[in-house]
């Protein structure tokens, strides 16, 4: 991160810390990091962030963080990239962060040998749009000022009635499990908006759009299961899972085997670019492994044409 600013009259007499906070949307945590690990110079002389500036002064601020050279591997679609962030379409089967067992094949390590900062995280089986910052400053700024909107497409069992609505039900971790979450009165408030786009009577599945108002772990999967519509291929909450078996969906074993993963796709992402002021909107097309579950592809394509 490098900032070079010739002080305007509106900032005459202000402390540098105030300029960084208001003009560059820099958080107190980031400014603290800058004090200990960065460079703050005024007219070429090292100063503290409490120094007051005058009109015409040249302020230079730097915090050395390197993401390294970004690789563009085959099979990963990049939607946008600049000096601050990347928007790409994560394939299913790739974890976002390096974890035990995935130290060398996570999305971040595939992209770079340096340090990257995911603003959005997706589970290993979830495909779709992900926003990755190239440094801590960009991460902080996008997280706090980007006003992110995320929407997902999922293949679920059964037919939502009503076809559109809101699920407002608290979610908590299941007491005897590290991973599994449940709707629980003692949990944190969780709000999911849904809209059913198409129902396939032959396979008893629906394509549903979900928009998150809150961001709890496994929120869509938990809420949809709670409403009686588990996601196809969901090995944790689906009808054929060991922890949440549900015999209400005959033929679901075949559908699960055809998808081979949780049928969830982050298809829509919008935010206000805090660095340029531009409104950014990105969409990622429904993957073939989800589309092929539907018996009437012509109707599905017609519906998706209205979505995209």
Protein backbone atom coordinates (compact mmCIF):
# COMPACT_ATOMS: atom_id res chain seq x y z
CA UNK A 1 0.00 0.00 0.00
CA UNK A 2 1.39 3.39 -1.04
CA UNK A 3 -0.38 6.74 -0.65
CA UNK A 4 0.96 10.04 -1.93
CA UNK A 5 -1.18 13.09 -1.20
CA UNK A 6 -0.60 16.80 -1.74
CA UNK A 7 -2.55 18.46 1.06
CA UNK A 8 -5.53 20.54 -0.08
CA UNK A 9 -6.85 23.58 1.74
CA UNK A 10 -9.73 21.57 3.21
CA UNK A 11 -7.18 19.55 5.19
CA UNK A 12 -5.04 22.48 6.34
CA UNK A 13 -4.20 22.09 10.02
CA UNK A 14 -5.55 18.57 10.35
CA UNK A 15 -3.69 15.66 11.92
CA UNK A 16 -2.46 12.98 9.52
CA UNK A 17 -4.45 10.34 11.41
CA UNK A 18 -7.67 12.23 10.64
CA UNK A 19 -6.79 12.49 6.94
CA UNK A 20 -6.05 8.77 6.74
CA UNK A 21 -9.31 7.93 8.48
CA UNK A 22 -11.63 10.25 6.53
CA UNK A 23 -9.96 10.59 3.12
CA UNK A 24 -8.64 7.03 2.83
CA UNK A 25 -11.13 5.13 5.02
CA UNK A 26 -8.28 3.70 7.10
CA UNK A 27 -9.35 2.02 10.33
CA UNK A 28 -7.73 2.62 13.71
CA UNK A 29 -6.32 -0.90 13.60
CA UNK A 30 -4.72 -0.27 10.22
CA UNK A 31 -3.30 3.07 11.38
CA UNK A 32 -1.85 1.35 14.45
CA UNK A 33 -0.18 -1.20 12.20
CA UNK A 34 1.14 1.64 10.07
CA UNK A 35 2.70 3.32 13.13
CA UNK A 36 4.76 0.24 13.97
CA UNK A 37 5.38 -1.38 10.59
CA UNK A 38 4.96 1.35 7.98
CA UNK A 39 6.31 4.66 6.78
CA UNK A 40 4.77 8.10 7.33
CA UNK A 41 6.62 11.04 5.77
CA UNK A 42 5.72 14.70 5.37
CA UNK A 43 7.76 16.57 2.76
CA UNK A 44 10.31 13.74 2.87
CA UNK A 45 10.75 13.80 6.66
CA UNK A 46 9.60 10.99 8.96
CA UNK A 47 6.71 12.13 11.19
CA UNK A 48 4.06 10.62 13.46
CA UNK A 49 0.40 10.27 12.54
CA UNK A 50 -0.40 13.04 15.05
CA UNK A 51 1.53 15.60 13.01
CA UNK A 52 -0.58 18.45 11.62
CA UNK A 53 -0.26 19.32 7.95
CA UNK A 54 -0.42 22.52 5.92
CA UNK A 55 -1.83 23.20 2.48
CA UNK A 56 0.70 22.14 -0.17
CA UNK A 57 2.52 19.63 2.06
CA UNK A 58 3.26 16.27 0.46
CA UNK A 59 2.18 13.31 2.56
CA UNK A 60 3.61 9.88 1.81
CA UNK A 61 2.35 6.74 3.54
CA UNK A 62 3.49 3.17 2.87
CA UNK A 63 2.89 -0.20 4.42
CA UNK A 64 4.88 -2.94 2.80
CA UNK A 65 2.69 -5.95 2.19
CA UNK A 66 3.21 -8.12 -0.83
CA UNK A 67 0.80 -10.54 -2.38
CA UNK A 68 3.50 -11.66 -4.80
CA UNK A 69 2.83 -12.34 -8.45
CA UNK A 70 -0.74 -13.49 -9.05
CA UNK A 71 -1.02 -16.70 -11.02
CA UNK A 72 -3.94 -17.30 -13.37
CA UNK A 73 -4.35 -21.09 -13.45
CA UNK A 74 -6.47 -22.80 -16.05
CA UNK A 75 -9.99 -23.56 -14.84
CA UNK A 76 -10.34 -20.45 -12.67
CA UNK A 77 -12.22 -17.58 -14.30
CA UNK A 78 -11.06 -14.10 -13.31
CA UNK A 79 -13.83 -11.49 -13.52
CA UNK A 80 -11.76 -8.50 -12.42
CA UNK A 81 -8.32 -7.60 -11.09
CA UNK A 82 -6.54 -4.38 -10.15
CA UNK A 83 -3.90 -3.30 -7.63
CA UNK A 84 -6.32 -3.67 -4.72
CA UNK A 85 -8.40 -6.79 -5.23
CA UNK A 86 -9.43 -9.75 -7.38
CA UNK A 87 -12.90 -11.10 -8.19
CA UNK A 88 -12.91 -14.66 -9.48
CA UNK A 89 -15.13 -17.70 -9.88
CA UNK A 90 -13.97 -20.39 -7.44
CA UNK A 91 -14.55 -23.94 -8.69
CA UNK A 92 -16.10 -26.46 -6.33
CA UNK A 93 -13.67 -28.73 -4.49
CA UNK A 94 -11.10 -26.05 -3.58
CA UNK A 95 -10.78 -24.73 -0.02
CA UNK A 96 -10.30 -20.97 0.32
CA UNK A 97 -7.59 -20.96 3.03
CA UNK A 98 -4.68 -23.31 3.59
CA UNK A 99 -5.77 -25.88 6.17
CA UNK A 100 -4.50 -29.20 7.47
CA UNK A 101 -4.49 -31.49 4.47
CA UNK A 102 -4.73 -28.56 2.05
CA UNK A 103 -1.54 -26.63 2.65
CA UNK A 104 -0.50 -26.58 -1.00
CA UNK A 105 -3.79 -26.75 -2.90
CA UNK A 106 -5.96 -24.05 -1.33
CA UNK A 107 -7.24 -21.22 -3.50
CA UNK A 108 -4.86 -18.72 -1.90
CA UNK A 109 -1.77 -20.88 -2.37
CA UNK A 110 -2.79 -21.71 -5.94
CA UNK A 111 -3.00 -18.00 -6.74
CA UNK A 112 0.16 -16.70 -5.08
CA UNK A 113 3.19 -17.44 -2.92
CA UNK A 114 2.57 -14.16 -1.09
CA UNK A 115 -0.14 -13.04 1.31
CA UNK A 116 -3.72 -12.63 0.11
CA UNK A 117 -6.76 -11.57 2.14
CA UNK A 118 -10.14 -13.11 1.24
CA UNK A 119 -12.95 -10.65 1.91
CA UNK A 120 -15.47 -13.40 1.14
CA UNK A 121 -15.01 -17.03 2.13
CA UNK A 122 -16.68 -19.99 0.46
CA UNK A 123 -16.83 -23.58 1.70
CA UNK A 124 -14.83 -26.17 -0.21
CA UNK A 125 -17.85 -27.56 -2.08
CA UNK A 126 -19.43 -24.17 -2.80
CA UNK A 127 -18.60 -22.68 -6.18
CA UNK A 128 -18.86 -19.10 -7.34
CA UNK A 129 -17.75 -15.53 -6.88
CA UNK A 130 -15.16 -14.68 -4.27
CA UNK A 131 -13.53 -11.33 -3.48
CA UNK A 132 -9.85 -11.36 -2.51
CA UNK A 133 -7.89 -8.30 -1.36
CA UNK A 134 -4.23 -7.98 -2.26
CA UNK A 135 -3.23 -6.33 1.02
CA UNK A 136 -4.51 -5.67 4.51
CA UNK A 137 -5.51 -2.09 3.77
CA UNK A 138 -7.66 -3.14 0.82
CA UNK A 139 -9.19 -5.94 2.90
CA UNK A 140 -10.11 -3.58 5.71
CA UNK A 141 -11.49 -0.93 3.36
CA UNK A 142 -13.60 -3.34 1.31
CA UNK A 143 -14.93 -5.07 4.44
CA UNK A 144 -15.97 -1.87 6.19
CA UNK A 145 -17.00 0.39 3.32
CA UNK A 146 -17.78 -1.86 0.35
CA UNK A 147 -21.44 -2.53 1.25
CA UNK A 148 -21.23 -6.03 -0.20
CA UNK A 149 -24.34 -7.81 -1.49
CA UNK A 150 -24.14 -11.54 -2.12
CA UNK A 151 -26.68 -13.86 -3.72
CA UNK A 152 -26.55 -17.62 -4.19
CA UNK A 153 -28.27 -20.22 -6.33
CA UNK A 154 -29.00 -23.61 -4.81
CA UNK A 155 -30.68 -26.82 -5.90
CA UNK A 156 -32.97 -27.94 -3.07
CA UNK A 157 -35.36 -30.83 -2.59
CA UNK A 158 -39.08 -30.17 -2.75
CA UNK A 159 -41.08 -27.09 -3.61
CA UNK A 160 -40.96 -23.89 -1.58
CA UNK A 161 -44.39 -22.63 -0.49
CA UNK A 162 -44.69 -19.71 -0.59
CA UNK A 163 -42.32 -19.31 -3.51
CA UNK A 164 -40.76 -16.17 -2.03
CA UNK A 165 -40.11 -15.08 1.52
CA UNK A 166 -37.74 -14.58 4.43
CA UNK A 167 -36.37 -17.08 6.93
CA UNK A 168 -35.65 -15.34 10.24
CA UNK A 169 -34.43 -18.04 12.61
CA UNK A 170 -31.45 -18.01 15.02
CA UNK A 171 -28.56 -20.39 14.36
CA UNK A 172 -26.18 -21.99 16.87
CA UNK A 173 -23.56 -24.72 16.78
CA UNK A 174 -24.91 -28.15 17.69
CA UNK A 175 -23.61 -28.89 21.21
CA UNK A 176 -22.09 -32.26 20.35
CA UNK A 177 -20.55 -31.22 17.03
CA UNK A 178 -17.71 -29.02 15.84
CA UNK A 179 -19.17 -28.42 12.38
CA UNK A 180 -22.95 -28.83 12.43
CA UNK A 181 -25.25 -25.88 13.04
CA UNK A 182 -28.95 -25.89 13.87
CA UNK A 183 -31.81 -23.44 14.20
CA UNK A 184 -31.76 -22.83 17.95
CA UNK A 185 -33.60 -20.21 20.06
CA UNK A 186 -30.32 -19.62 21.90
CA UNK A 187 -28.42 -18.92 18.69
CA UNK A 188 -27.52 -15.70 16.87
CA UNK A 189 -30.16 -14.00 14.77
CA UNK A 190 -29.90 -15.19 11.17
CA UNK A 191 -31.89 -13.83 8.24
CA UNK A 192 -32.09 -15.35 4.75
CA UNK A 193 -34.27 -14.10 1.88
CA UNK A 194 -35.28 -16.67 -0.73
CA UNK A 195 -36.98 -16.76 -4.13
CA UNK A 196 -37.86 -20.00 -5.90
CA UNK A 197 -37.07 -19.74 -9.61
CA UNK A 198 -38.15 -23.09 -10.99
CA UNK A 199 -39.63 -26.36 -9.71
CA UNK A 200 -38.83 -29.65 -11.45
CA UNK A 201 -41.69 -32.04 -10.65
CA UNK A 202 -39.94 -34.98 -12.32
CA UNK A 203 -37.00 -34.87 -9.91
CA UNK A 204 -38.76 -33.02 -7.06
CA UNK A 205 -36.10 -30.32 -6.96
CA UNK A 206 -36.13 -26.52 -7.12
CA UNK A 207 -33.64 -23.88 -8.13
CA UNK A 208 -33.76 -21.21 -5.44
CA UNK A 209 -32.07 -17.83 -5.13
CA UNK A 210 -30.88 -16.96 -1.61
CA UNK A 211 -29.75 -13.54 -0.39
CA UNK A 212 -28.05 -13.27 2.99
CA UNK A 213 -28.83 -10.46 5.41
CA UNK A 214 -26.54 -12.04 8.01
CA UNK A 215 -23.52 -14.27 7.45
CA UNK A 216 -23.64 -17.25 9.80
CA UNK A 217 -21.72 -20.44 9.15
CA UNK A 218 -23.71 -22.77 6.83
CA UNK A 219 -26.62 -20.31 6.99
CA UNK A 220 -28.29 -21.19 3.68
CA UNK A 221 -27.91 -24.92 4.24
CA UNK A 222 -29.26 -24.75 7.79
CA UNK A 223 -32.17 -22.46 6.98
CA UNK A 224 -33.28 -24.37 3.89
CA UNK A 225 -33.10 -27.67 5.77
CA UNK A 226 -35.08 -26.10 8.61
CA UNK A 227 -37.80 -25.17 6.08
CA UNK A 228 -37.91 -28.76 4.87
CA UNK A 229 -35.82 -28.28 1.72
CA UNK A 230 -32.28 -29.63 2.19
CA UNK A 231 -29.78 -28.91 -0.56
CA UNK A 232 -29.03 -31.62 -3.12
CA UNK A 233 -25.71 -33.33 -2.48
CA UNK A 234 -25.32 -31.88 1.00
CA UNK A 235 -23.40 -34.51 2.96
CA UNK A 236 -23.86 -32.67 6.24
CA UNK A 237 -27.52 -31.57 6.22
CA UNK A 238 -28.99 -33.45 3.25
CA UNK A 239 -31.58 -36.26 3.37
CA UNK A 240 -28.90 -38.92 2.94
CA UNK A 241 -26.43 -37.53 5.48
CA UNK A 242 -25.48 -39.46 8.60
CA UNK A 243 -26.28 -36.59 10.95
CA UNK A 244 -29.56 -35.35 9.46
CA UNK A 245 -31.17 -38.24 7.56
CA UNK A 246 -34.57 -37.55 6.02
CA UNK A 247 -36.50 -40.22 4.14
CA UNK A 248 -39.01 -37.79 2.66
CA UNK A 249 -37.30 -37.52 -0.71
CA UNK A 250 -37.38 -40.78 -2.69
CA UNK A 251 -34.78 -40.82 -5.43
CA UNK A 252 -32.57 -38.31 -3.66
CA UNK A 253 -29.74 -40.85 -3.47
CA UNK A 254 -29.47 -40.78 -7.26
CA UNK A 255 -29.66 -36.98 -7.40
CA UNK A 256 -26.96 -36.68 -4.74
CA UNK A 257 -24.72 -39.04 -6.67
CA UNK A 258 -25.22 -37.03 -9.86
CA UNK A 259 -24.12 -33.76 -8.28
CA UNK A 260 -21.43 -35.22 -6.02
CA UNK A 261 -21.21 -32.05 -3.89
CA UNK A 262 -23.41 -29.56 -2.11
CA UNK A 263 -25.40 -27.80 -4.86
CA UNK A 264 -24.64 -24.22 -3.84
CA UNK A 265 -23.24 -21.49 -6.10
CA UNK A 266 -22.37 -17.86 -5.25
CA UNK A 267 -23.66 -16.34 -8.49
CA UNK A 268 -24.01 -12.60 -7.68
CA UNK A 269 -21.73 -10.06 -6.03
CA UNK A 270 -22.09 -6.29 -5.91
CA UNK A 271 -20.29 -3.64 -3.91
CA UNK A 272 -19.20 -0.03 -3.88
CA UNK A 273 -15.55 0.17 -4.88
CA UNK A 274 -14.16 2.41 -2.11
CA UNK A 275 -11.03 3.16 -4.14
CA UNK A 276 -12.78 4.50 -7.24
CA UNK A 277 -16.33 5.19 -6.06
CA UNK A 278 -17.70 2.92 -8.80
CA UNK A 279 -20.53 0.43 -8.32
CA UNK A 280 -19.28 -3.06 -9.16
CA UNK A 281 -21.62 -5.89 -10.18
CA UNK A 282 -20.49 -9.42 -11.05
CA UNK A 283 -22.39 -12.58 -12.01
CA UNK A 284 -21.13 -16.15 -12.42
CA UNK A 285 -23.15 -18.55 -14.54
CA UNK A 286 -24.71 -21.65 -13.02
CA UNK A 287 -22.21 -24.55 -13.21
CA UNK A 288 -23.07 -27.48 -15.43
CA UNK A 289 -23.04 -29.97 -12.54
CA UNK A 290 -26.02 -28.11 -11.03
CA UNK A 291 -27.80 -27.40 -14.31
CA UNK A 292 -27.74 -31.04 -15.44
CA UNK A 293 -29.93 -32.06 -12.49
CA UNK A 294 -33.01 -30.53 -14.14
CA UNK A 295 -35.15 -32.52 -16.56
CA UNK A 296 -36.22 -29.54 -18.71
CA UNK A 297 -33.07 -27.73 -19.75
CA UNK A 298 -34.90 -25.46 -22.17
CA UNK A 299 -37.12 -24.13 -19.37
CA UNK A 300 -34.12 -23.82 -17.04
CA UNK A 301 -32.19 -21.81 -19.63
CA UNK A 302 -35.20 -19.53 -20.09
CA UNK A 303 -35.41 -18.88 -16.34
CA UNK A 304 -31.67 -18.32 -16.04
CA UNK A 305 -31.80 -15.88 -18.93
CA UNK A 306 -34.00 -13.64 -16.79
CA UNK A 307 -31.69 -14.00 -13.79
CA UNK A 308 -28.50 -13.16 -15.69
